[in-house]
Amino acid sequence: MEIESNYRNTCQKFWRDIKKSDPTEITAVRTVSYNSDTRQFIVLFFNEEYVVDSDQEIIRRRRDGYVPEVLATIIILNYLANARPFRGSDVNWVSIKELPGGMIFYSAFHKTVISVLIESFGHQSSRLMEVSHVLDGKPGPFGDASVILRAFPEIPLCVVIWEGDEEVNPNATILYDFSIGQILDTGISIDLGVYLAEELKKLAQGQFGKYIT
């Protein structure tokens, strides 16, 4: 309950920040559009368009009206509320430990991200590419299998799997572009990893018809 309350308070803060901002300032530094008639933003999140209505304080997926869970909501809101000029450059992949303040989140990251990916793909890394096409994943250059996805147009993520066998334990991670620190709070970057790991797990469960513990 305390976690849910913290999430609600975080959402409320981000909604307030968005309402205080000039929409043109947000669209100038984020790859989003704004409809001045409906007073709504359109945000691309993992290859899906979401309508962000700050008057009603609600987010809906454009194609079917689905309201995303609180974790996705917080990530999308932080992306808009934190809007400031972005200094883009070539992708510089880093681990969570290399993000500002990332070390303090590593234990939780291992439990909620790395462990989930290992359970889902650690012994069949080929599954990763098979399921990630739903999120418009592209092959990556790391590990036994890796895939690059776009959380937002400015935010690439790379999921990496090292497959295990009888002698070697499997491993996994999510790599971030170092520039994510210009766009999301570090804690929200962790939430983004948690969200992606869970989405990939759900896809793997659905495709392969069994529950992955």
N, C-alpha and C. Protein backbone atom coordinates (compact mmCIF):
# COMPACT_ATOMS: atom_id res chain seq x y z
N MET A 1 0.81 -1.20 0.00
CA MET A 1 0.00 0.00 0.00
C MET A 1 0.86 1.27 0.00
N GLU A 2 1.97 1.21 0.76
CA GLU A 2 2.86 2.38 0.81
C GLU A 2 3.44 2.67 -0.57
N ILE A 3 3.81 1.60 -1.31
CA ILE A 3 4.36 1.78 -2.65
C ILE A 3 3.32 2.41 -3.56
N GLU A 4 2.07 1.92 -3.48
CA GLU A 4 1.00 2.48 -4.30
C GLU A 4 0.79 3.95 -3.97
N SER A 5 0.84 4.29 -2.68
CA SER A 5 0.66 5.68 -2.27
C SER A 5 1.79 6.55 -2.80
N ASN A 6 3.02 6.04 -2.76
CA ASN A 6 4.16 6.79 -3.30
C ASN A 6 4.01 7.01 -4.79
N TYR A 7 3.54 5.98 -5.51
CA TYR A 7 3.32 6.12 -6.95
C TYR A 7 2.26 7.19 -7.23
N ARG A 8 1.17 7.16 -6.46
CA ARG A 8 0.12 8.15 -6.67
C ARG A 8 0.65 9.57 -6.43
N ASN A 9 1.42 9.73 -5.37
CA ASN A 9 1.98 11.05 -5.07
C ASN A 9 2.93 11.50 -6.17
N THR A 10 3.72 10.56 -6.70
CA THR A 10 4.64 10.89 -7.80
C THR A 10 3.87 11.32 -9.04
N CYS A 11 2.81 10.57 -9.36
CA CYS A 11 1.97 10.93 -10.51
C CYS A 11 1.39 12.32 -10.35
N GLN A 12 0.88 12.62 -9.18
CA GLN A 12 0.28 13.93 -8.94
C GLN A 12 1.29 15.04 -9.12
N LYS A 13 2.52 14.82 -8.64
CA LYS A 13 3.56 15.83 -8.82
C LYS A 13 3.86 16.05 -10.30
N PHE A 14 3.99 14.96 -11.06
CA PHE A 14 4.30 15.10 -12.48
C PHE A 14 3.16 15.78 -13.23
N TRP A 15 1.91 15.44 -12.88
CA TRP A 15 0.78 16.13 -13.52
C TRP A 15 0.85 17.63 -13.26
N ARG A 16 1.15 18.01 -12.01
CA ARG A 16 1.26 19.44 -11.69
C ARG A 16 2.35 20.10 -12.50
N ASP A 17 3.49 19.42 -12.62
CA ASP A 17 4.61 19.99 -13.38
C ASP A 17 4.23 20.19 -14.85
N ILE A 18 3.53 19.22 -15.41
CA ILE A 18 3.13 19.32 -16.83
C ILE A 18 2.15 20.48 -17.01
N LYS A 19 1.21 20.61 -16.11
CA LYS A 19 0.22 21.68 -16.21
C LYS A 19 0.86 23.06 -16.12
N LYS A 20 1.94 23.17 -15.37
CA LYS A 20 2.61 24.46 -15.22
C LYS A 20 3.48 24.81 -16.43
N SER A 21 3.73 23.84 -17.29
CA SER A 21 4.62 24.04 -18.42
C SER A 21 3.85 24.54 -19.64
N ASP A 22 4.53 25.28 -20.46
CA ASP A 22 3.98 25.70 -21.76
C ASP A 22 4.11 24.51 -22.72
N PRO A 23 3.01 24.04 -23.31
CA PRO A 23 3.10 22.89 -24.22
C PRO A 23 4.10 23.07 -25.35
N THR A 24 4.25 24.29 -25.83
CA THR A 24 5.20 24.52 -26.92
C THR A 24 6.64 24.30 -26.45
N GLU A 25 6.90 24.55 -25.17
CA GLU A 25 8.23 24.30 -24.64
C GLU A 25 8.50 22.79 -24.54
N ILE A 26 7.47 22.02 -24.24
CA ILE A 26 7.62 20.56 -24.17
C ILE A 26 7.84 19.98 -25.57
N THR A 27 7.03 20.41 -26.53
CA THR A 27 7.16 19.86 -27.88
C THR A 27 8.46 20.31 -28.55
N ALA A 28 9.05 21.39 -28.05
CA ALA A 28 10.32 21.86 -28.62
C ALA A 28 11.48 20.94 -28.25
N VAL A 29 11.37 20.20 -27.14
CA VAL A 29 12.50 19.40 -26.66
C VAL A 29 12.16 17.91 -26.53
N ARG A 30 10.93 17.53 -26.86
CA ARG A 30 10.51 16.14 -26.84
C ARG A 30 9.89 15.78 -28.18
N THR A 31 10.05 14.54 -28.59
CA THR A 31 9.46 14.10 -29.85
C THR A 31 8.01 13.70 -29.61
N VAL A 32 7.18 14.71 -29.37
CA VAL A 32 5.76 14.52 -29.12
C VAL A 32 4.99 15.59 -29.90
N SER A 33 3.70 15.37 -30.04
CA SER A 33 2.85 16.38 -30.65
C SER A 33 1.82 16.84 -29.63
N TYR A 34 1.23 18.01 -29.89
CA TYR A 34 0.24 18.57 -28.96
C TYR A 34 -0.92 19.12 -29.77
N ASN A 35 -2.14 18.74 -29.38
CA ASN A 35 -3.35 19.23 -30.02
C ASN A 35 -3.93 20.35 -29.15
N SER A 36 -3.83 21.57 -29.62
CA SER A 36 -4.27 22.71 -28.81
C SER A 36 -5.80 22.74 -28.64
N ASP A 37 -6.54 22.10 -29.55
CA ASP A 37 -8.00 22.06 -29.42
C ASP A 37 -8.42 21.13 -28.29
N THR A 38 -7.84 19.94 -28.25
CA THR A 38 -8.19 18.97 -27.20
C THR A 38 -7.30 19.12 -25.97
N ARG A 39 -6.22 19.89 -26.10
CA ARG A 39 -5.24 20.09 -25.02
C ARG A 39 -4.64 18.76 -24.58
N GLN A 40 -4.23 17.98 -25.58
CA GLN A 40 -3.68 16.66 -25.32
C GLN A 40 -2.35 16.48 -26.04
N PHE A 41 -1.42 15.79 -25.38
CA PHE A 41 -0.17 15.37 -26.00
C PHE A 41 -0.33 13.98 -26.60
N ILE A 42 0.41 13.72 -27.69
CA ILE A 42 0.53 12.38 -28.24
C ILE A 42 1.98 11.96 -28.07
N VAL A 43 2.18 10.85 -27.33
CA VAL A 43 3.51 10.37 -26.98
C VAL A 43 3.70 8.97 -27.53
N LEU A 44 4.85 8.72 -28.16
CA LEU A 44 5.18 7.39 -28.66
C LEU A 44 5.99 6.66 -27.59
N PHE A 45 5.42 5.56 -27.08
CA PHE A 45 6.05 4.78 -26.00
C PHE A 45 6.08 3.31 -26.42
N PHE A 46 7.28 2.78 -26.65
CA PHE A 46 7.45 1.42 -27.15
C PHE A 46 6.56 1.15 -28.37
N ASN A 47 6.67 2.05 -29.34
CA ASN A 47 6.03 1.86 -30.64
C ASN A 47 4.50 1.95 -30.58
N GLU A 48 3.95 2.49 -29.50
CA GLU A 48 2.51 2.72 -29.39
C GLU A 48 2.26 4.18 -29.07
N GLU A 49 1.23 4.76 -29.70
CA GLU A 49 0.87 6.14 -29.40
C GLU A 49 -0.05 6.20 -28.18
N TYR A 50 0.26 7.12 -27.27
CA TYR A 50 -0.56 7.34 -26.08
C TYR A 50 -1.02 8.79 -26.05
N VAL A 51 -2.27 8.98 -25.67
CA VAL A 51 -2.85 10.31 -25.54
C VAL A 51 -2.76 10.72 -24.08
N VAL A 52 -2.08 11.83 -23.83
CA VAL A 52 -1.88 12.31 -22.47
C VAL A 52 -2.74 13.56 -22.27
N ASP A 53 -3.74 13.43 -21.43
CA ASP A 53 -4.69 14.51 -21.18
C ASP A 53 -4.44 15.05 -19.77
N SER A 54 -3.77 16.19 -19.68
CA SER A 54 -3.44 16.73 -18.36
C SER A 54 -4.64 17.39 -17.68
N ASP A 55 -5.65 17.80 -18.45
CA ASP A 55 -6.86 18.36 -17.84
C ASP A 55 -7.59 17.27 -17.06
N GLN A 56 -7.75 16.11 -17.69
CA GLN A 56 -8.43 14.99 -17.05
C GLN A 56 -7.49 14.12 -16.21
N GLU A 57 -6.19 14.38 -16.35
CA GLU A 57 -5.15 13.59 -15.66
C GLU A 57 -5.30 12.10 -15.96
N ILE A 58 -5.29 11.80 -17.24
CA ILE A 58 -5.40 10.41 -17.66
C ILE A 58 -4.58 10.19 -18.93
N ILE A 59 -4.07 8.99 -19.07
CA ILE A 59 -3.35 8.57 -20.27
C ILE A 59 -4.08 7.38 -20.87
N ARG A 60 -4.28 7.40 -22.17
CA ARG A 60 -4.93 6.28 -22.86
C ARG A 60 -4.13 5.92 -24.11
N ARG A 61 -4.08 4.63 -24.41
CA ARG A 61 -3.47 4.19 -25.66
C ARG A 61 -4.39 4.61 -26.80
N ARG A 62 -3.83 5.21 -27.82
CA ARG A 62 -4.64 5.84 -28.86
C ARG A 62 -5.49 4.84 -29.63
N ARG A 63 -4.95 3.66 -29.91
CA ARG A 63 -5.67 2.75 -30.80
C ARG A 63 -6.87 2.06 -30.17
N ASP A 64 -6.88 1.94 -28.83
CA ASP A 64 -7.98 1.20 -28.21
C ASP A 64 -8.47 1.78 -26.88
N GLY A 65 -7.88 2.90 -26.44
CA GLY A 65 -8.34 3.52 -25.20
C GLY A 65 -7.84 2.87 -23.93
N TYR A 66 -6.94 1.89 -24.04
CA TYR A 66 -6.41 1.21 -22.87
C TYR A 66 -5.67 2.19 -21.97
N VAL A 67 -5.96 2.12 -20.66
CA VAL A 67 -5.28 2.96 -19.68
C VAL A 67 -4.08 2.18 -19.13
N PRO A 68 -2.86 2.66 -19.32
CA PRO A 68 -1.69 1.90 -18.87
C PRO A 68 -1.61 1.81 -17.35
N GLU A 69 -0.91 0.78 -16.89
CA GLU A 69 -0.69 0.60 -15.47
C GLU A 69 0.13 1.75 -14.92
N VAL A 70 0.18 1.83 -13.58
CA VAL A 70 0.78 3.00 -12.94
C VAL A 70 2.25 3.15 -13.30
N LEU A 71 2.99 2.05 -13.45
CA LEU A 71 4.42 2.17 -13.75
C LEU A 71 4.64 2.85 -15.10
N ALA A 72 3.90 2.42 -16.11
CA ALA A 72 4.01 3.06 -17.43
C ALA A 72 3.55 4.51 -17.37
N THR A 73 2.51 4.77 -16.59
CA THR A 73 2.01 6.13 -16.44
C THR A 73 3.08 7.05 -15.87
N ILE A 74 3.76 6.60 -14.82
CA ILE A 74 4.81 7.41 -14.20
C ILE A 74 5.95 7.69 -15.17
N ILE A 75 6.33 6.68 -15.93
CA ILE A 75 7.43 6.84 -16.89
C ILE A 75 7.07 7.89 -17.95
N ILE A 76 5.87 7.77 -18.51
CA ILE A 76 5.43 8.72 -19.54
C ILE A 76 5.33 10.13 -18.96
N LEU A 77 4.79 10.25 -17.76
CA LEU A 77 4.66 11.57 -17.15
C LEU A 77 6.02 12.19 -16.86
N ASN A 78 6.97 11.40 -16.38
CA ASN A 78 8.30 11.94 -16.11
C ASN A 78 8.96 12.42 -17.40
N TYR A 79 8.75 11.69 -18.47
CA TYR A 79 9.29 12.06 -19.79
C TYR A 79 8.80 13.45 -20.20
N LEU A 80 7.54 13.76 -19.91
CA LEU A 80 6.99 15.07 -20.26
C LEU A 80 7.33 16.13 -19.21
N ALA A 81 7.19 15.76 -17.95
CA ALA A 81 7.40 16.74 -16.88
C ALA A 81 8.84 17.19 -16.78
N ASN A 82 9.77 16.34 -17.21
CA ASN A 82 11.20 16.62 -17.11
C ASN A 82 11.74 17.26 -18.39
N ALA A 83 10.85 17.73 -19.24
CA ALA A 83 11.26 18.22 -20.55
C ALA A 83 12.20 19.40 -20.43
N ARG A 84 13.38 19.22 -21.01
CA ARG A 84 14.37 20.29 -21.10
C ARG A 84 15.27 19.98 -22.29
N PRO A 85 16.04 20.93 -22.78
CA PRO A 85 16.86 20.68 -23.97
C PRO A 85 17.70 19.42 -23.82
N PHE A 86 17.74 18.65 -24.90
CA PHE A 86 18.40 17.35 -24.91
C PHE A 86 19.59 17.40 -25.85
N ARG A 87 20.78 17.08 -25.31
CA ARG A 87 21.99 17.10 -26.12
C ARG A 87 22.26 15.68 -26.64
N GLY A 88 21.70 15.38 -27.77
CA GLY A 88 21.84 14.05 -28.34
C GLY A 88 23.23 13.84 -28.93
N SER A 89 23.64 12.56 -28.97
CA SER A 89 24.93 12.20 -29.56
C SER A 89 24.88 10.73 -29.93
N ASP A 90 26.00 10.18 -30.36
CA ASP A 90 26.05 8.75 -30.64
C ASP A 90 25.74 7.97 -29.36
N VAL A 91 25.11 6.81 -29.54
CA VAL A 91 24.71 6.01 -28.39
C VAL A 91 25.95 5.54 -27.61
N ASN A 92 25.91 5.73 -26.31
CA ASN A 92 26.98 5.30 -25.41
C ASN A 92 26.36 4.35 -24.38
N TRP A 93 26.44 3.03 -24.65
CA TRP A 93 25.78 2.06 -23.78
C TRP A 93 26.48 1.96 -22.43
N VAL A 94 25.69 2.00 -21.36
CA VAL A 94 26.23 1.85 -20.01
C VAL A 94 25.30 0.96 -19.19
N SER A 95 25.87 0.38 -18.12
CA SER A 95 25.06 -0.40 -17.21
C SER A 95 24.36 0.53 -16.23
N ILE A 96 23.43 -0.04 -15.47
CA ILE A 96 22.72 0.76 -14.48
C ILE A 96 23.69 1.36 -13.46
N LYS A 97 24.78 0.65 -13.18
CA LYS A 97 25.75 1.14 -12.20
C LYS A 97 26.44 2.42 -12.64
N GLU A 98 26.46 2.67 -13.94
CA GLU A 98 27.17 3.84 -14.47
C GLU A 98 26.28 5.06 -14.61
N LEU A 99 24.99 4.92 -14.35
CA LEU A 99 24.12 6.08 -14.35
C LEU A 99 24.29 6.85 -13.04
N PRO A 100 24.08 8.15 -13.04
CA PRO A 100 24.23 8.92 -11.80
C PRO A 100 23.34 8.35 -10.69
N GLY A 101 23.96 7.94 -9.60
CA GLY A 101 23.20 7.36 -8.49
C GLY A 101 22.73 5.95 -8.72
N GLY A 102 23.13 5.34 -9.84
CA GLY A 102 22.62 4.02 -10.19
C GLY A 102 23.03 2.91 -9.25
N MET A 103 24.19 3.04 -8.62
CA MET A 103 24.68 1.98 -7.75
C MET A 103 23.71 1.67 -6.61
N ILE A 104 23.07 2.69 -6.09
CA ILE A 104 22.18 2.46 -4.95
C ILE A 104 20.93 1.69 -5.35
N PHE A 105 20.65 1.65 -6.66
CA PHE A 105 19.48 0.92 -7.14
C PHE A 105 19.81 -0.49 -7.61
N TYR A 106 21.10 -0.87 -7.58
CA TYR A 106 21.49 -2.10 -8.26
C TYR A 106 20.84 -3.35 -7.67
N SER A 107 20.76 -3.43 -6.36
CA SER A 107 20.16 -4.61 -5.73
C SER A 107 18.72 -4.80 -6.19
N ALA A 108 17.94 -3.72 -6.18
CA ALA A 108 16.55 -3.79 -6.64
C ALA A 108 16.49 -4.10 -8.13
N PHE A 109 17.43 -3.53 -8.89
CA PHE A 109 17.48 -3.77 -10.34
C PHE A 109 17.73 -5.24 -10.62
N HIS A 110 18.64 -5.85 -9.86
CA HIS A 110 18.93 -7.27 -10.07
C HIS A 110 17.69 -8.12 -9.80
N LYS A 111 16.99 -7.80 -8.75
CA LYS A 111 15.82 -8.59 -8.36
C LYS A 111 14.66 -8.43 -9.33
N THR A 112 14.42 -7.20 -9.77
CA THR A 112 13.21 -6.92 -10.54
C THR A 112 13.42 -6.88 -12.05
N VAL A 113 14.68 -6.84 -12.49
CA VAL A 113 14.97 -6.77 -13.93
C VAL A 113 15.82 -7.95 -14.37
N ILE A 114 17.03 -8.05 -13.84
CA ILE A 114 17.96 -9.09 -14.28
C ILE A 114 17.38 -10.49 -14.03
N SER A 115 16.86 -10.73 -12.83
CA SER A 115 16.31 -12.05 -12.51
C SER A 115 15.14 -12.42 -13.41
N VAL A 116 14.30 -11.44 -13.70
CA VAL A 116 13.14 -11.68 -14.58
C VAL A 116 13.59 -12.07 -15.98
N LEU A 117 14.60 -11.37 -16.50
CA LEU A 117 15.10 -11.67 -17.84
C LEU A 117 15.78 -13.04 -17.88
N ILE A 118 16.54 -13.38 -16.83
CA ILE A 118 17.19 -14.69 -16.79
C ILE A 118 16.15 -15.80 -16.78
N GLU A 119 15.12 -15.64 -15.96
CA GLU A 119 14.07 -16.65 -15.87
C GLU A 119 13.34 -16.82 -17.20
N SER A 120 13.16 -15.74 -17.91
CA SER A 120 12.40 -15.77 -19.15
C SER A 120 13.21 -16.25 -20.35
N PHE A 121 14.50 -15.87 -20.40
CA PHE A 121 15.27 -16.10 -21.62
C PHE A 121 16.65 -16.74 -21.39
N GLY A 122 17.03 -16.97 -20.15
CA GLY A 122 18.39 -17.39 -19.86
C GLY A 122 18.80 -18.72 -20.42
N HIS A 123 17.84 -19.60 -20.68
CA HIS A 123 18.18 -20.90 -21.24
C HIS A 123 17.68 -21.06 -22.68
N GLN A 124 17.02 -20.05 -23.19
CA GLN A 124 16.60 -20.04 -24.59
C GLN A 124 16.65 -18.60 -25.09
N SER A 125 17.85 -18.14 -25.33
CA SER A 125 18.04 -16.73 -25.68
C SER A 125 17.36 -16.36 -26.99
N SER A 126 17.14 -17.33 -27.87
CA SER A 126 16.49 -17.03 -29.15
C SER A 126 15.07 -16.51 -28.96
N ARG A 127 14.48 -16.80 -27.81
CA ARG A 127 13.13 -16.30 -27.52
C ARG A 127 13.09 -14.77 -27.53
N LEU A 128 14.18 -14.16 -27.10
CA LEU A 128 14.19 -12.71 -26.94
C LEU A 128 13.83 -12.01 -28.24
N MET A 129 14.50 -12.38 -29.33
CA MET A 129 14.22 -11.74 -30.60
C MET A 129 12.84 -12.09 -31.12
N GLU A 130 12.41 -13.34 -30.83
CA GLU A 130 11.12 -13.80 -31.32
C GLU A 130 9.97 -12.99 -30.73
N VAL A 131 10.07 -12.63 -29.46
CA VAL A 131 8.96 -11.91 -28.83
C VAL A 131 9.09 -10.40 -28.94
N SER A 132 10.32 -9.88 -29.06
CA SER A 132 10.50 -8.43 -29.00
C SER A 132 10.07 -7.72 -30.27
N HIS A 133 9.79 -8.46 -31.34
CA HIS A 133 9.33 -7.79 -32.57
C HIS A 133 8.02 -7.05 -32.32
N VAL A 134 7.24 -7.51 -31.33
CA VAL A 134 5.99 -6.83 -30.99
C VAL A 134 6.27 -5.39 -30.55
N LEU A 135 7.42 -5.19 -29.93
CA LEU A 135 7.83 -3.86 -29.46
C LEU A 135 8.77 -3.18 -30.45
N ASP A 136 8.84 -3.71 -31.67
CA ASP A 136 9.69 -3.18 -32.73
C ASP A 136 11.16 -3.30 -32.37
N GLY A 137 11.53 -4.41 -31.76
CA GLY A 137 12.92 -4.63 -31.39
C GLY A 137 13.81 -4.92 -32.59
N LYS A 138 15.05 -4.48 -32.51
CA LYS A 138 16.04 -4.71 -33.56
C LYS A 138 17.22 -5.48 -32.96
N PRO A 139 17.89 -6.32 -33.73
CA PRO A 139 19.02 -7.09 -33.19
C PRO A 139 20.11 -6.18 -32.66
N GLY A 140 20.68 -6.57 -31.52
CA GLY A 140 21.79 -5.82 -30.93
C GLY A 140 23.09 -6.58 -31.04
N PRO A 141 24.21 -5.98 -30.62
CA PRO A 141 25.54 -6.56 -30.85
C PRO A 141 26.13 -7.31 -29.66
N PHE A 142 25.37 -7.53 -28.58
CA PHE A 142 25.98 -8.04 -27.35
C PHE A 142 25.48 -9.43 -26.99
N GLY A 143 26.28 -10.14 -26.17
CA GLY A 143 25.86 -11.39 -25.58
C GLY A 143 25.54 -12.49 -26.57
N ASP A 144 24.81 -13.50 -26.09
CA ASP A 144 24.32 -14.56 -26.98
C ASP A 144 23.10 -14.09 -27.75
N ALA A 145 22.39 -13.15 -27.19
CA ALA A 145 21.26 -12.52 -27.88
C ALA A 145 21.06 -11.15 -27.28
N SER A 146 20.75 -10.19 -28.11
CA SER A 146 20.44 -8.85 -27.60
C SER A 146 19.50 -8.17 -28.58
N VAL A 147 18.73 -7.25 -28.04
CA VAL A 147 17.76 -6.54 -28.86
C VAL A 147 17.71 -5.09 -28.40
N ILE A 148 17.62 -4.19 -29.37
CA ILE A 148 17.54 -2.76 -29.10
C ILE A 148 16.11 -2.30 -29.32
N LEU A 149 15.57 -1.61 -28.33
CA LEU A 149 14.20 -1.09 -28.42
C LEU A 149 14.21 0.39 -28.10
N ARG A 150 13.14 1.06 -28.51
CA ARG A 150 13.00 2.49 -28.22
C ARG A 150 11.85 2.66 -27.24
N ALA A 151 12.18 3.04 -26.01
CA ALA A 151 11.13 3.35 -25.05
C ALA A 151 10.39 4.61 -25.52
N PHE A 152 11.16 5.63 -25.83
CA PHE A 152 10.71 6.85 -26.48
C PHE A 152 11.67 7.10 -27.63
N PRO A 153 11.32 7.96 -28.58
CA PRO A 153 12.23 8.18 -29.71
C PRO A 153 13.65 8.55 -29.29
N GLU A 154 13.81 9.25 -28.14
CA GLU A 154 15.13 9.67 -27.69
C GLU A 154 15.80 8.65 -26.78
N ILE A 155 15.10 7.59 -26.41
CA ILE A 155 15.61 6.68 -25.38
C ILE A 155 15.70 5.25 -25.90
N PRO A 156 16.90 4.84 -26.38
CA PRO A 156 17.10 3.43 -26.73
C PRO A 156 17.47 2.62 -25.49
N LEU A 157 17.10 1.36 -25.51
CA LEU A 157 17.48 0.41 -24.47
C LEU A 157 17.98 -0.85 -25.16
N CYS A 158 18.93 -1.52 -24.55
CA CYS A 158 19.45 -2.76 -25.12
C CYS A 158 19.32 -3.88 -24.08
N VAL A 159 18.51 -4.88 -24.39
CA VAL A 159 18.35 -6.05 -23.53
C VAL A 159 19.36 -7.09 -23.99
N VAL A 160 20.14 -7.62 -23.04
CA VAL A 160 21.21 -8.56 -23.37
C VAL A 160 21.03 -9.85 -22.57
N ILE A 161 21.19 -10.99 -23.25
CA ILE A 161 21.11 -12.30 -22.62
C ILE A 161 22.39 -13.08 -22.89
N TRP A 162 22.97 -13.63 -21.81
CA TRP A 162 24.06 -14.59 -21.94
C TRP A 162 23.48 -15.94 -21.53
N GLU A 163 23.39 -16.84 -22.46
CA GLU A 163 22.69 -18.11 -22.21
C GLU A 163 23.53 -19.04 -21.33
N GLY A 164 22.84 -19.72 -20.42
CA GLY A 164 23.52 -20.65 -19.53
C GLY A 164 23.47 -22.08 -20.04
N ASP A 165 24.30 -22.93 -19.42
CA ASP A 165 24.30 -24.36 -19.73
C ASP A 165 24.60 -25.12 -18.44
N GLU A 166 25.03 -26.36 -18.57
CA GLU A 166 25.28 -27.18 -17.38
C GLU A 166 26.39 -26.62 -16.50
N GLU A 167 27.30 -25.87 -17.09
CA GLU A 167 28.46 -25.39 -16.34
C GLU A 167 28.44 -23.90 -16.04
N VAL A 168 27.71 -23.15 -16.83
CA VAL A 168 27.72 -21.69 -16.69
C VAL A 168 26.31 -21.19 -16.42
N ASN A 169 26.16 -20.37 -15.41
CA ASN A 169 24.85 -19.78 -15.12
C ASN A 169 24.50 -18.72 -16.16
N PRO A 170 23.24 -18.62 -16.53
CA PRO A 170 22.85 -17.57 -17.46
C PRO A 170 22.92 -16.20 -16.80
N ASN A 171 22.98 -15.18 -17.62
CA ASN A 171 23.00 -13.82 -17.10
C ASN A 171 22.24 -12.92 -18.07
N ALA A 172 21.93 -11.74 -17.62
CA ALA A 172 21.15 -10.81 -18.44
C ALA A 172 21.32 -9.41 -17.89
N THR A 173 20.98 -8.43 -18.71
CA THR A 173 20.94 -7.05 -18.23
C THR A 173 20.17 -6.19 -19.22
N ILE A 174 19.94 -4.97 -18.82
CA ILE A 174 19.46 -3.93 -19.74
C ILE A 174 20.49 -2.82 -19.72
N LEU A 175 20.98 -2.45 -20.89
CA LEU A 175 21.91 -1.34 -21.04
C LEU A 175 21.14 -0.08 -21.41
N TYR A 176 21.63 1.04 -20.91
CA TYR A 176 21.02 2.34 -21.18
C TYR A 176 21.99 3.19 -21.99
N ASP A 177 21.46 4.10 -22.79
CA ASP A 177 22.28 5.16 -23.35
C ASP A 177 22.53 6.16 -22.21
N PHE A 178 23.79 6.53 -22.02
CA PHE A 178 24.14 7.42 -20.91
C PHE A 178 23.32 8.71 -20.91
N SER A 179 22.87 9.13 -22.08
CA SER A 179 22.12 10.39 -22.18
C SER A 179 20.74 10.31 -21.53
N ILE A 180 20.30 9.12 -21.10
CA ILE A 180 18.98 9.01 -20.48
C ILE A 180 18.89 9.90 -19.24
N GLY A 181 20.04 10.19 -18.62
CA GLY A 181 20.04 11.06 -17.45
C GLY A 181 19.58 12.47 -17.74
N GLN A 182 19.61 12.87 -19.02
CA GLN A 182 19.12 14.19 -19.41
C GLN A 182 17.60 14.19 -19.54
N ILE A 183 16.99 13.01 -19.56
CA ILE A 183 15.58 12.90 -19.92
C ILE A 183 14.72 12.40 -18.76
N LEU A 184 15.19 11.35 -18.08
CA LEU A 184 14.42 10.76 -16.98
C LEU A 184 15.22 10.84 -15.68
N ASP A 185 14.51 10.91 -14.57
CA ASP A 185 15.15 10.75 -13.27
C ASP A 185 15.73 9.34 -13.19
N THR A 186 16.83 9.16 -12.45
CA THR A 186 17.46 7.84 -12.37
C THR A 186 16.49 6.80 -11.83
N GLY A 187 15.72 7.14 -10.81
CA GLY A 187 14.75 6.20 -10.28
C GLY A 187 13.72 5.78 -11.32
N ILE A 188 13.32 6.71 -12.17
CA ILE A 188 12.35 6.39 -13.23
C ILE A 188 13.02 5.55 -14.31
N SER A 189 14.31 5.75 -14.54
CA SER A 189 15.04 4.89 -15.48
C SER A 189 15.01 3.43 -15.00
N ILE A 190 15.13 3.23 -13.68
CA ILE A 190 15.02 1.89 -13.12
C ILE A 190 13.63 1.34 -13.36
N ASP A 191 12.62 2.15 -13.11
CA ASP A 191 11.23 1.74 -13.37
C ASP A 191 11.05 1.34 -14.83
N LEU A 192 11.71 2.05 -15.72
CA LEU A 192 11.62 1.73 -17.14
C LEU A 192 12.18 0.33 -17.41
N GLY A 193 13.30 0.00 -16.77
CA GLY A 193 13.85 -1.34 -16.91
C GLY A 193 12.92 -2.40 -16.37
N VAL A 194 12.32 -2.13 -15.21
CA VAL A 194 11.35 -3.06 -14.62
C VAL A 194 10.18 -3.28 -15.56
N TYR A 195 9.66 -2.18 -16.10
CA TYR A 195 8.51 -2.27 -17.01
C TYR A 195 8.86 -3.11 -18.22
N LEU A 196 10.02 -2.87 -18.83
CA LEU A 196 10.39 -3.60 -20.04
C LEU A 196 10.60 -5.08 -19.76
N ALA A 197 11.27 -5.41 -18.66
CA ALA A 197 11.49 -6.81 -18.32
C ALA A 197 10.16 -7.54 -18.13
N GLU A 198 9.22 -6.90 -17.47
CA GLU A 198 7.92 -7.53 -17.25
C GLU A 198 7.13 -7.68 -18.55
N GLU A 199 7.22 -6.69 -19.44
CA GLU A 199 6.52 -6.79 -20.72
C GLU A 199 7.10 -7.93 -21.56
N LEU A 200 8.41 -8.06 -21.57
CA LEU A 200 9.03 -9.16 -22.33
C LEU A 200 8.67 -10.50 -21.72
N LYS A 201 8.60 -10.59 -20.41
CA LYS A 201 8.19 -11.82 -19.75
C LYS A 201 6.77 -12.20 -20.15
N LYS A 202 5.86 -11.22 -20.15
CA LYS A 202 4.47 -11.48 -20.54
C LYS A 202 4.40 -11.98 -21.98
N LEU A 203 5.19 -11.37 -22.85
CA LEU A 203 5.20 -11.79 -24.25
C LEU A 203 5.72 -13.22 -24.38
N ALA A 204 6.76 -13.54 -23.63
CA ALA A 204 7.31 -14.89 -23.67
C ALA A 204 6.29 -15.90 -23.14
N GLN A 205 5.59 -15.57 -22.10
CA GLN A 205 4.58 -16.46 -21.56
C GLN A 205 3.47 -16.68 -22.58
N GLY A 206 3.03 -15.59 -23.21
CA GLY A 206 1.95 -15.71 -24.18
C GLY A 206 2.34 -16.52 -25.40
N GLN A 207 3.56 -16.31 -25.91
CA GLN A 207 3.98 -16.98 -27.13
C GLN A 207 4.24 -18.46 -26.89
N PHE A 208 4.83 -18.78 -25.74
CA PHE A 208 5.27 -20.15 -25.54
C PHE A 208 4.32 -20.97 -24.66
N GLY A 209 3.22 -20.32 -24.26
CA GLY A 209 2.12 -21.06 -23.66
C GLY A 209 2.43 -21.70 -22.32
N LYS A 210 3.34 -21.12 -21.55
CA LYS A 210 3.56 -21.66 -20.22
C LYS A 210 4.03 -20.53 -19.31
N TYR A 211 3.83 -20.76 -18.03
CA TYR A 211 4.23 -19.76 -17.06
C TYR A 211 5.69 -19.90 -16.73
N ILE A 212 6.39 -18.78 -16.73
CA ILE A 212 7.82 -18.75 -16.40
C ILE A 212 7.95 -18.24 -14.98
N THR A 213 8.39 -19.07 -14.06
CA THR A 213 8.45 -18.66 -12.65
C THR A 213 9.68 -17.78 -12.41
